[in-house]
Amino acid sequence: LHCPHGYGKTKLNNSYFERALGVTATTRNWRTVLALQQLCHTS
């Protein structure tokens, strides 16, 4: 999800996805996603 004007201003937040999908949701910035990916590949 790309939010050029900031994640804090979007209506597509965790609450939206949790209600729409009926699941617990978390969000991460792209740098964190890449770091987690790197951890998975090095373990």
N, C-alpha and C. Protein backbone atom coordinates (compact mmCIF):
# COMPACT_ATOMS: atom_id res chain seq x y z
N LEU A 1 0.85 -1.17 0.00
CA LEU A 1 0.00 0.00 0.00
C LEU A 1 0.90 1.23 0.00
N HIS A 2 0.80 2.03 -1.00
CA HIS A 2 1.62 3.24 -1.13
C HIS A 2 0.80 4.44 -0.65
N CYS A 3 1.30 5.17 0.33
CA CYS A 3 0.60 6.33 0.89
C CYS A 3 1.50 7.56 0.76
N PRO A 4 1.48 8.22 -0.39
CA PRO A 4 2.40 9.34 -0.62
C PRO A 4 2.17 10.53 0.31
N HIS A 5 0.99 10.66 0.87
CA HIS A 5 0.70 11.78 1.77
C HIS A 5 0.76 11.37 3.24
N GLY A 6 1.28 10.18 3.50
CA GLY A 6 1.45 9.71 4.86
C GLY A 6 0.41 8.68 5.26
N TYR A 7 0.87 7.67 5.98
CA TYR A 7 -0.01 6.59 6.43
C TYR A 7 -1.04 7.10 7.43
N GLY A 8 -0.68 8.09 8.21
CA GLY A 8 -1.59 8.62 9.22
C GLY A 8 -2.83 9.29 8.65
N LYS A 9 -2.78 9.65 7.38
CA LYS A 9 -3.91 10.35 6.75
C LYS A 9 -4.79 9.43 5.89
N THR A 10 -4.37 8.18 5.71
CA THR A 10 -5.13 7.28 4.86
C THR A 10 -6.28 6.63 5.61
N LYS A 11 -7.33 6.28 4.89
CA LYS A 11 -8.45 5.55 5.48
C LYS A 11 -8.20 4.05 5.41
N LEU A 12 -7.19 3.65 4.66
CA LEU A 12 -6.84 2.23 4.54
C LEU A 12 -5.80 1.88 5.59
N ASN A 13 -6.23 1.81 6.83
CA ASN A 13 -5.32 1.51 7.93
C ASN A 13 -5.59 0.11 8.48
N ASN A 14 -4.92 -0.25 9.56
CA ASN A 14 -5.11 -1.58 10.14
C ASN A 14 -6.56 -1.87 10.45
N SER A 15 -7.25 -0.92 11.02
CA SER A 15 -8.66 -1.13 11.38
C SER A 15 -9.50 -1.48 10.17
N TYR A 16 -9.26 -0.80 9.06
CA TYR A 16 -10.01 -1.07 7.84
C TYR A 16 -9.81 -2.52 7.40
N PHE A 17 -8.55 -2.95 7.32
CA PHE A 17 -8.27 -4.31 6.85
C PHE A 17 -8.76 -5.36 7.84
N GLU A 18 -8.66 -5.08 9.13
CA GLU A 18 -9.15 -6.03 10.12
C GLU A 18 -10.66 -6.23 9.99
N ARG A 19 -11.39 -5.14 9.81
CA ARG A 19 -12.85 -5.25 9.64
C ARG A 19 -13.20 -5.92 8.32
N ALA A 20 -12.55 -5.52 7.25
CA ALA A 20 -12.89 -6.03 5.92
C ALA A 20 -12.55 -7.51 5.76
N LEU A 21 -11.44 -7.94 6.35
CA LEU A 21 -10.98 -9.31 6.16
C LEU A 21 -11.25 -10.23 7.34
N GLY A 22 -11.62 -9.65 8.48
CA GLY A 22 -11.87 -10.45 9.67
C GLY A 22 -10.62 -11.09 10.24
N VAL A 23 -9.49 -10.41 10.11
CA VAL A 23 -8.22 -10.92 10.61
C VAL A 23 -7.50 -9.82 11.40
N THR A 24 -6.48 -10.21 12.14
CA THR A 24 -5.62 -9.23 12.79
C THR A 24 -4.58 -8.77 11.78
N ALA A 25 -4.40 -7.48 11.67
CA ALA A 25 -3.49 -6.94 10.66
C ALA A 25 -2.38 -6.12 11.32
N THR A 26 -1.23 -6.11 10.67
CA THR A 26 -0.13 -5.24 11.08
C THR A 26 0.43 -4.58 9.82
N THR A 27 1.08 -3.46 10.00
CA THR A 27 1.71 -2.80 8.87
C THR A 27 3.17 -2.53 9.22
N ARG A 28 3.99 -2.51 8.20
CA ARG A 28 5.42 -2.24 8.34
C ARG A 28 5.84 -1.32 7.21
N ASN A 29 6.83 -0.47 7.49
CA ASN A 29 7.37 0.33 6.39
C ASN A 29 8.26 -0.56 5.54
N TRP A 30 8.56 -0.13 4.34
CA TRP A 30 9.28 -0.97 3.38
C TRP A 30 10.66 -1.36 3.87
N ARG A 31 11.34 -0.47 4.55
CA ARG A 31 12.68 -0.79 5.07
C ARG A 31 12.60 -1.94 6.07
N THR A 32 11.58 -1.96 6.90
CA THR A 32 11.41 -3.05 7.86
C THR A 32 11.11 -4.36 7.15
N VAL A 33 10.27 -4.30 6.13
CA VAL A 33 9.95 -5.51 5.35
C VAL A 33 11.22 -6.10 4.74
N LEU A 34 12.06 -5.25 4.19
CA LEU A 34 13.31 -5.73 3.59
C LEU A 34 14.25 -6.32 4.65
N ALA A 35 14.30 -5.71 5.82
CA ALA A 35 15.14 -6.23 6.90
C ALA A 35 14.62 -7.60 7.37
N LEU A 36 13.31 -7.76 7.48
CA LEU A 36 12.74 -9.05 7.87
C LEU A 36 13.02 -10.11 6.81
N GLN A 37 12.93 -9.72 5.56
CA GLN A 37 13.24 -10.64 4.47
C GLN A 37 14.69 -11.10 4.56
N GLN A 38 15.58 -10.18 4.82
CA GLN A 38 17.00 -10.52 4.93
C GLN A 38 17.23 -11.47 6.10
N LEU A 39 16.55 -11.26 7.21
CA LEU A 39 16.68 -12.16 8.35
C LEU A 39 16.22 -13.58 7.99
N CYS A 40 15.17 -13.68 7.22
CA CYS A 40 14.66 -14.99 6.82
C CYS A 40 15.67 -15.72 5.93
N HIS A 41 16.35 -15.00 5.09
CA HIS A 41 17.29 -15.62 4.17
C HIS A 41 18.61 -15.98 4.84
N THR A 42 18.95 -15.33 5.95
CA THR A 42 20.23 -15.60 6.61
C THR A 42 20.09 -16.63 7.71
N SER A 43 18.89 -16.95 8.11
CA SER A 43 18.71 -17.92 9.21
C SER A 43 18.70 -19.35 8.72
